[in-house]
Amino acid sequence: MNKFDFWIRRIHSLLGVAALGGFLLEHLFTISHVMQGAAVFDKAVHEISNIPFLVPVELLFIGVPFALHGIIGVVYALKAKNNVSQYGYWNNWMFYLQRVTAYIAFVFIIYHVVTLRIMGKASGHFVGFDYMHNVLSNPIVMGAYIIGLLSSIFHFTNGLWGFAVTWGIVAGPRSQRLVGVATIGLFLLMSCVGMAALTKFN
């Protein structure tokens, strides 16, 4: 690995944690309010939408890093050699699933942003509980949201393991296993919050 590739891989992992992490944490925090009722969710959406300079901040700290992470990720994914059929080790499967969920998450996030953040607001509708209820009442859309959200959460949490290894935060097998267990726990926690919230819109 040359020096350029060395730093590109580190920047790629850093952008992923910042972009996908920021997107997920913002959205899970907001939609979790629905578990307290429609009015609480609508209030949370109002508060988020009234944050000063929200759009420039989202574009700068989430949109741009997400786009760069996606572009670099596609290049690496096309170069990657998936050998889970020959070597069915745990790390190989995690590497393979990281690539698969990358494509799903990338498409899902673009779909979500275009249909809700852009088209939803452009239509003049308040993207609150009633709007989300109508959107997710379609079982196909709900299924897409479940797959997309779970894929995004997996890609982020499993990516934290890769981030820790890539940046040399964990080096030995034992510490890598501990981080792996922690990221699985985080995946389950975030998934439970996301799924519980989605079901409240129906």
C-alpha atoms as a PDB file:
ATOM      1  CA  MET A   1       0.000   0.000   0.000  1.00  0.00           C
ATOM      2  CA  ASN A   2       1.476   3.349  -1.060  1.00  0.00           C
ATOM      3  CA  LYS A   3       1.307   6.500   1.070  1.00  0.00           C
ATOM      4  CA  PHE A   4      -1.522   8.021  -1.009  1.00  0.00           C
ATOM      5  CA  ASP A   5      -3.700   4.926  -0.643  1.00  0.00           C
ATOM      6  CA  PHE A   6      -2.800   4.771   3.056  1.00  0.00           C
ATOM      7  CA  TRP A   7      -4.271   8.228   3.703  1.00  0.00           C
ATOM      8  CA  ILE A   8      -7.212   7.859   1.315  1.00  0.00           C
ATOM      9  CA  ARG A   9      -8.373   4.797   3.250  1.00  0.00           C
ATOM     10  CA  ARG A  10      -8.152   6.696   6.508  1.00  0.00           C
ATOM     11  CA  ILE A  11      -9.979   9.714   5.123  1.00  0.00           C
ATOM     12  CA  HIS A  12     -12.605   7.391   3.656  1.00  0.00           C
ATOM     13  CA  SER A  13     -13.248   5.770   7.043  1.00  0.00           C
ATOM     14  CA  LEU A  14     -13.311   9.142   8.804  1.00  0.00           C
ATOM     15  CA  LEU A  15     -15.806  10.580   6.307  1.00  0.00           C
ATOM     16  CA  GLY A  16     -18.018   7.516   6.729  1.00  0.00           C
ATOM     17  CA  VAL A  17     -18.146   7.808  10.503  1.00  0.00           C
ATOM     18  CA  ALA A  18     -18.832  11.547  10.314  1.00  0.00           C
ATOM     19  CA  ALA A  19     -21.391  11.478   7.482  1.00  0.00           C
ATOM     20  CA  LEU A  20     -23.346   8.305   8.157  1.00  0.00           C
ATOM     21  CA  GLY A  21     -22.994   8.707  11.903  1.00  0.00           C
ATOM     22  CA  GLY A  22     -24.310  12.255  11.752  1.00  0.00           C
ATOM     23  CA  PHE A  23     -27.196  11.259   9.493  1.00  0.00           C
ATOM     24  CA  LEU A  24     -28.242   8.293  11.621  1.00  0.00           C
ATOM     25  CA  LEU A  25     -27.900   9.961  14.999  1.00  0.00           C
ATOM     26  CA  GLU A  26     -29.877  12.998  13.841  1.00  0.00           C
ATOM     27  CA  HIS A  27     -32.657  10.883  12.351  1.00  0.00           C
ATOM     28  CA  LEU A  28     -32.866   8.288  15.126  1.00  0.00           C
ATOM     29  CA  PHE A  29     -33.003  11.068  17.710  1.00  0.00           C
ATOM     30  CA  THR A  30     -35.813  12.793  15.825  1.00  0.00           C
ATOM     31  CA  ILE A  31     -37.950   9.766  14.975  1.00  0.00           C
ATOM     32  CA  SER A  32     -37.573   8.318  18.477  1.00  0.00           C
ATOM     33  CA  HIS A  33     -39.874  11.119  19.653  1.00  0.00           C
ATOM     34  CA  VAL A  34     -42.772   9.364  17.898  1.00  0.00           C
ATOM     35  CA  MET A  35     -42.768   6.785  20.686  1.00  0.00           C
ATOM     36  CA  GLN A  36     -44.088   9.574  22.941  1.00  0.00           C
ATOM     37  CA  GLY A  37     -46.897  10.405  20.543  1.00  0.00           C
ATOM     38  CA  ALA A  38     -47.612  12.251  17.297  1.00  0.00           C
ATOM     39  CA  ALA A  39     -47.613  15.700  18.917  1.00  0.00           C
ATOM     40  CA  VAL A  40     -44.184  15.164  20.496  1.00  0.00           C
ATOM     41  CA  PHE A  41     -42.785  13.978  17.161  1.00  0.00           C
ATOM     42  CA  ASP A  42     -44.205  16.980  15.293  1.00  0.00           C
ATOM     43  CA  LYS A  43     -42.702  19.313  17.905  1.00  0.00           C
ATOM     44  CA  ALA A  44     -39.287  17.656  17.494  1.00  0.00           C
ATOM     45  CA  VAL A  45     -39.497  18.042  13.694  1.00  0.00           C
ATOM     46  CA  HIS A  46     -40.377  21.719  14.115  1.00  0.00           C
ATOM     47  CA  GLU A  47     -37.414  22.255  16.439  1.00  0.00           C
ATOM     48  CA  ILE A  48     -34.986  20.527  14.091  1.00  0.00           C
ATOM     49  CA  SER A  49     -36.272  22.409  11.029  1.00  0.00           C
ATOM     50  CA  ASN A  50     -35.904  25.743  12.845  1.00  0.00           C
ATOM     51  CA  ILE A  51     -32.223  25.284  13.669  1.00  0.00           C
ATOM     52  CA  PRO A  52     -30.333  28.280  12.195  1.00  0.00           C
ATOM     53  CA  PHE A  53     -28.392  27.503   9.015  1.00  0.00           C
ATOM     54  CA  LEU A  54     -29.635  23.882   9.109  1.00  0.00           C
ATOM     55  CA  VAL A  55     -29.401  23.261   5.361  1.00  0.00           C
ATOM     56  CA  PRO A  56     -25.832  24.624   4.931  1.00  0.00           C
ATOM     57  CA  VAL A  57     -24.714  22.713   8.036  1.00  0.00           C
ATOM     58  CA  GLU A  58     -26.261  19.458   6.764  1.00  0.00           C
ATOM     59  CA  LEU A  59     -24.740  19.929   3.328  1.00  0.00           C
ATOM     60  CA  LEU A  60     -21.286  20.758   4.701  1.00  0.00           C
ATOM     61  CA  PHE A  61     -21.034  18.215   7.513  1.00  0.00           C
ATOM     62  CA  ILE A  62     -23.234  15.392   6.194  1.00  0.00           C
ATOM     63  CA  GLY A  63     -23.909  15.834   2.476  1.00  0.00           C
ATOM     64  CA  VAL A  64     -20.367  16.508   1.237  1.00  0.00           C
ATOM     65  CA  PRO A  65     -18.682  13.865   3.450  1.00  0.00           C
ATOM     66  CA  PHE A  66     -21.393  11.368   2.458  1.00  0.00           C
ATOM     67  CA  ALA A  67     -20.828  12.005  -1.251  1.00  0.00           C
ATOM     68  CA  LEU A  68     -17.040  11.726  -0.946  1.00  0.00           C
ATOM     69  CA  HIS A  69     -17.305   8.582   1.193  1.00  0.00           C
ATOM     70  CA  GLY A  70     -19.706   7.058  -1.344  1.00  0.00           C
ATOM     71  CA  ILE A  71     -17.515   7.833  -4.359  1.00  0.00           C
ATOM     72  CA  ILE A  72     -14.348   6.491  -2.737  1.00  0.00           C
ATOM     73  CA  GLY A  73     -16.287   3.506  -1.407  1.00  0.00           C
ATOM     74  CA  VAL A  74     -17.560   2.560  -4.864  1.00  0.00           C
ATOM     75  CA  VAL A  75     -13.989   2.600  -6.194  1.00  0.00           C
ATOM     76  CA  TYR A  76     -12.780   0.323  -3.399  1.00  0.00           C
ATOM     77  CA  ALA A  77     -15.835  -1.943  -3.674  1.00  0.00           C
ATOM     78  CA  LEU A  78     -15.190  -2.499  -7.380  1.00  0.00           C
ATOM     79  CA  LYS A  79     -11.584  -3.438  -6.599  1.00  0.00           C
ATOM     80  CA  ALA A  80     -12.477  -5.698  -3.672  1.00  0.00           C
ATOM     81  CA  LYS A  81     -12.296  -9.479  -3.976  1.00  0.00           C
ATOM     82  CA  ASN A  82     -15.014 -11.161  -1.935  1.00  0.00           C
ATOM     83  CA  ASN A  83     -13.925 -14.698  -1.033  1.00  0.00           C
ATOM     84  CA  VAL A  84     -16.546 -15.760   1.510  1.00  0.00           C
ATOM     85  CA  SER A  85     -17.301 -18.867  -0.537  1.00  0.00           C
ATOM     86  CA  GLN A  86     -13.679 -20.047  -0.148  1.00  0.00           C
ATOM     87  CA  TYR A  87     -12.958 -18.574   3.303  1.00  0.00           C
ATOM     88  CA  GLY A  88     -16.063 -18.299   5.443  1.00  0.00           C
ATOM     89  CA  TYR A  89     -14.367 -16.540   8.328  1.00  0.00           C
ATOM     90  CA  TRP A  90     -16.231 -14.009  10.470  1.00  0.00           C
ATOM     91  CA  ASN A  91     -14.142 -11.044   9.241  1.00  0.00           C
ATOM     92  CA  ASN A  92     -14.648 -12.070   5.623  1.00  0.00           C
ATOM     93  CA  TRP A  93     -18.421 -12.125   6.113  1.00  0.00           C
ATOM     94  CA  MET A  94     -18.341  -8.728   7.844  1.00  0.00           C
ATOM     95  CA  PHE A  95     -16.266  -7.349   4.965  1.00  0.00           C
ATOM     96  CA  TYR A  96     -18.736  -8.771   2.443  1.00  0.00           C
ATOM     97  CA  LEU A  97     -21.792  -7.453   4.302  1.00  0.00           C
ATOM     98  CA  GLN A  98     -20.114  -4.067   4.630  1.00  0.00           C
ATOM     99  CA  ARG A  99     -19.930  -3.853   0.840  1.00  0.00           C
ATOM    100  CA  VAL A 100     -23.519  -5.064   0.321  1.00  0.00           C
ATOM    101  CA  THR A 101     -25.003  -2.708   2.904  1.00  0.00           C
ATOM    102  CA  ALA A 102     -22.966   0.154   1.426  1.00  0.00           C
ATOM    103  CA  TYR A 103     -24.918  -0.057  -1.830  1.00  0.00           C
ATOM    104  CA  ILE A 104     -28.261  -0.422  -0.056  1.00  0.00           C
ATOM    105  CA  ALA A 105     -27.571   2.432   2.369  1.00  0.00           C
ATOM    106  CA  PHE A 106     -26.345   4.717  -0.417  1.00  0.00           C
ATOM    107  CA  VAL A 107     -29.515   4.216  -2.492  1.00  0.00           C
ATOM    108  CA  PHE A 108     -31.789   4.395   0.559  1.00  0.00           C
ATOM    109  CA  ILE A 109     -30.360   7.658   1.887  1.00  0.00           C
ATOM    110  CA  ILE A 110     -30.600   9.325  -1.514  1.00  0.00           C
ATOM    111  CA  TYR A 111     -34.195   8.071  -1.856  1.00  0.00           C
ATOM    112  CA  HIS A 112     -35.040   9.309   1.643  1.00  0.00           C
ATOM    113  CA  VAL A 113     -33.534  12.754   1.094  1.00  0.00           C
ATOM    114  CA  VAL A 114     -35.135  13.227  -2.318  1.00  0.00           C
ATOM    115  CA  THR A 115     -38.634  12.010  -1.393  1.00  0.00           C
ATOM    116  CA  LEU A 116     -38.913  13.577   2.067  1.00  0.00           C
ATOM    117  CA  ARG A 117     -36.427  16.394   2.498  1.00  0.00           C
ATOM    118  CA  ILE A 118     -36.685  17.769  -1.051  1.00  0.00           C
ATOM    119  CA  MET A 119     -39.991  16.663  -2.642  1.00  0.00           C
ATOM    120  CA  GLY A 120     -41.872  16.635   0.657  1.00  0.00           C
ATOM    121  CA  LYS A 121     -40.943  20.200   1.511  1.00  0.00           C
ATOM    122  CA  ALA A 122     -41.298  21.374  -2.089  1.00  0.00           C
ATOM    123  CA  SER A 123     -44.900  20.135  -2.087  1.00  0.00           C
ATOM    124  CA  GLY A 124     -45.663  22.477   0.780  1.00  0.00           C
ATOM    125  CA  HIS A 125     -46.554  19.680   3.192  1.00  0.00           C
ATOM    126  CA  PHE A 126     -45.292  19.547   6.755  1.00  0.00           C
ATOM    127  CA  VAL A 127     -43.235  16.359   6.956  1.00  0.00           C
ATOM    128  CA  GLY A 128     -44.626  15.389  10.345  1.00  0.00           C
ATOM    129  CA  PHE A 129     -46.470  12.427  11.800  1.00  0.00           C
ATOM    130  CA  ASP A 130     -49.446  12.494   9.407  1.00  0.00           C
ATOM    131  CA  TYR A 131     -47.172  12.764   6.376  1.00  0.00           C
ATOM    132  CA  MET A 132     -44.956   9.888   7.550  1.00  0.00           C
ATOM    133  CA  HIS A 133     -48.020   7.818   8.428  1.00  0.00           C
ATOM    134  CA  ASN A 134     -49.289   8.158   4.839  1.00  0.00           C
ATOM    135  CA  VAL A 135     -45.864   7.347   3.396  1.00  0.00           C
ATOM    136  CA  LEU A 136     -45.234   4.290   5.572  1.00  0.00           C
ATOM    137  CA  SER A 137     -48.773   2.936   5.268  1.00  0.00           C
ATOM    138  CA  ASN A 138     -47.623   1.512   1.936  1.00  0.00           C
ATOM    139  CA  PRO A 139     -46.157  -1.921   2.866  1.00  0.00           C
ATOM    140  CA  ILE A 140     -43.615  -1.766   0.029  1.00  0.00           C
ATOM    141  CA  VAL A 141     -42.303   1.589   1.229  1.00  0.00           C
ATOM    142  CA  MET A 142     -42.287   0.369   4.824  1.00  0.00           C
ATOM    143  CA  GLY A 143     -40.316  -2.709   3.763  1.00  0.00           C
ATOM    144  CA  ALA A 144     -37.841  -0.515   1.891  1.00  0.00           C
ATOM    145  CA  TYR A 145     -37.435   1.693   4.967  1.00  0.00           C
ATOM    146  CA  ILE A 146     -36.817  -1.294   7.232  1.00  0.00           C
ATOM    147  CA  ILE A 147     -34.189  -2.766   4.893  1.00  0.00           C
ATOM    148  CA  GLY A 148     -32.635   0.631   4.232  1.00  0.00           C
ATOM    149  CA  LEU A 149     -32.464   1.654   7.877  1.00  0.00           C
ATOM    150  CA  LEU A 150     -31.060  -1.673   9.080  1.00  0.00           C
ATOM    151  CA  SER A 151     -28.484  -1.654   6.271  1.00  0.00           C
ATOM    152  CA  SER A 152     -27.452   1.905   7.133  1.00  0.00           C
ATOM    153  CA  ILE A 153     -27.108   1.077  10.819  1.00  0.00           C
ATOM    154  CA  PHE A 154     -25.085  -2.066  10.080  1.00  0.00           C
ATOM    155  CA  HIS A 155     -22.812  -0.210   7.674  1.00  0.00           C
ATOM    156  CA  PHE A 156     -22.196   2.484  10.287  1.00  0.00           C
ATOM    157  CA  THR A 157     -21.654   0.248  13.309  1.00  0.00           C
ATOM    158  CA  ASN A 158     -19.537  -2.318  11.454  1.00  0.00           C
ATOM    159  CA  GLY A 159     -17.686   0.618   9.926  1.00  0.00           C
ATOM    160  CA  LEU A 160     -16.751   1.766  13.434  1.00  0.00           C
ATOM    161  CA  TRP A 161     -14.803  -1.475  13.820  1.00  0.00           C
ATOM    162  CA  GLY A 162     -13.033  -0.805  10.527  1.00  0.00           C
ATOM    163  CA  PHE A 163     -12.390   2.780  11.602  1.00  0.00           C
ATOM    164  CA  ALA A 164     -10.818   1.652  14.883  1.00  0.00           C
ATOM    165  CA  VAL A 165      -8.575  -0.837  13.084  1.00  0.00           C
ATOM    166  CA  THR A 166      -7.676   1.484  10.196  1.00  0.00           C
ATOM    167  CA  TRP A 167      -6.634   4.304  12.521  1.00  0.00           C
ATOM    168  CA  GLY A 168      -4.687   1.976  14.811  1.00  0.00           C
ATOM    169  CA  ILE A 169      -6.973   2.521  17.796  1.00  0.00           C
ATOM    170  CA  VAL A 170      -7.169  -1.239  18.303  1.00  0.00           C
ATOM    171  CA  ALA A 171      -4.386  -3.521  17.146  1.00  0.00           C
ATOM    172  CA  GLY A 172      -4.398  -6.870  18.911  1.00  0.00           C
ATOM    173  CA  PRO A 173      -6.894  -9.709  18.306  1.00  0.00           C
ATOM    174  CA  ARG A 174      -8.410  -9.392  21.796  1.00  0.00           C
ATOM    175  CA  SER A 175      -9.071  -5.653  21.538  1.00  0.00           C
ATOM    176  CA  GLN A 176     -10.476  -6.119  18.031  1.00  0.00           C
ATOM    177  CA  ARG A 177     -12.868  -8.785  19.325  1.00  0.00           C
ATOM    178  CA  LEU A 178     -14.001  -6.496  22.142  1.00  0.00           C
ATOM    179  CA  VAL A 179     -14.665  -3.652  19.714  1.00  0.00           C
ATOM    180  CA  GLY A 180     -16.487  -6.116  17.465  1.00  0.00           C
ATOM    181  CA  VAL A 181     -18.777  -7.178  20.300  1.00  0.00           C
ATOM    182  CA  ALA A 182     -19.381  -3.521  21.212  1.00  0.00           C
ATOM    183  CA  THR A 183     -20.317  -2.603  17.640  1.00  0.00           C
ATOM    184  CA  ILE A 184     -22.737  -5.552  17.437  1.00  0.00           C
ATOM    185  CA  GLY A 185     -24.347  -4.321  20.651  1.00  0.00           C
ATOM    186  CA  LEU A 186     -24.594  -0.815  19.210  1.00  0.00           C
ATOM    187  CA  PHE A 187     -26.147  -2.211  16.030  1.00  0.00           C
ATOM    188  CA  LEU A 188     -28.810  -4.036  18.049  1.00  0.00           C
ATOM    189  CA  LEU A 189     -29.537  -0.979  20.199  1.00  0.00           C
ATOM    190  CA  MET A 190     -29.852   1.428  17.259  1.00  0.00           C
ATOM    191  CA  SER A 191     -31.895  -1.113  15.286  1.00  0.00           C
ATOM    192  CA  CYS A 192     -34.348  -1.583  18.158  1.00  0.00           C
ATOM    193  CA  VAL A 193     -34.847   2.175  18.439  1.00  0.00           C
ATOM    194  CA  GLY A 194     -35.305   2.540  14.679  1.00  0.00           C
ATOM    195  CA  MET A 195     -37.711  -0.365  14.293  1.00  0.00           C
ATOM    196  CA  ALA A 196     -39.757   0.640  17.354  1.00  0.00           C
ATOM    197  CA  ALA A 197     -40.074   4.157  15.956  1.00  0.00           C
ATOM    198  CA  LEU A 198     -41.059   3.024  12.446  1.00  0.00           C
ATOM    199  CA  THR A 199     -43.854   0.821  13.751  1.00  0.00           C
ATOM    200  CA  LYS A 200     -45.382   3.807  15.602  1.00  0.00           C
ATOM    201  CA  PHE A 201     -46.127   5.539  12.302  1.00  0.00           C
ATOM    202  CA  ASN A 202     -48.636   2.821  11.340  1.00  0.00           C
END
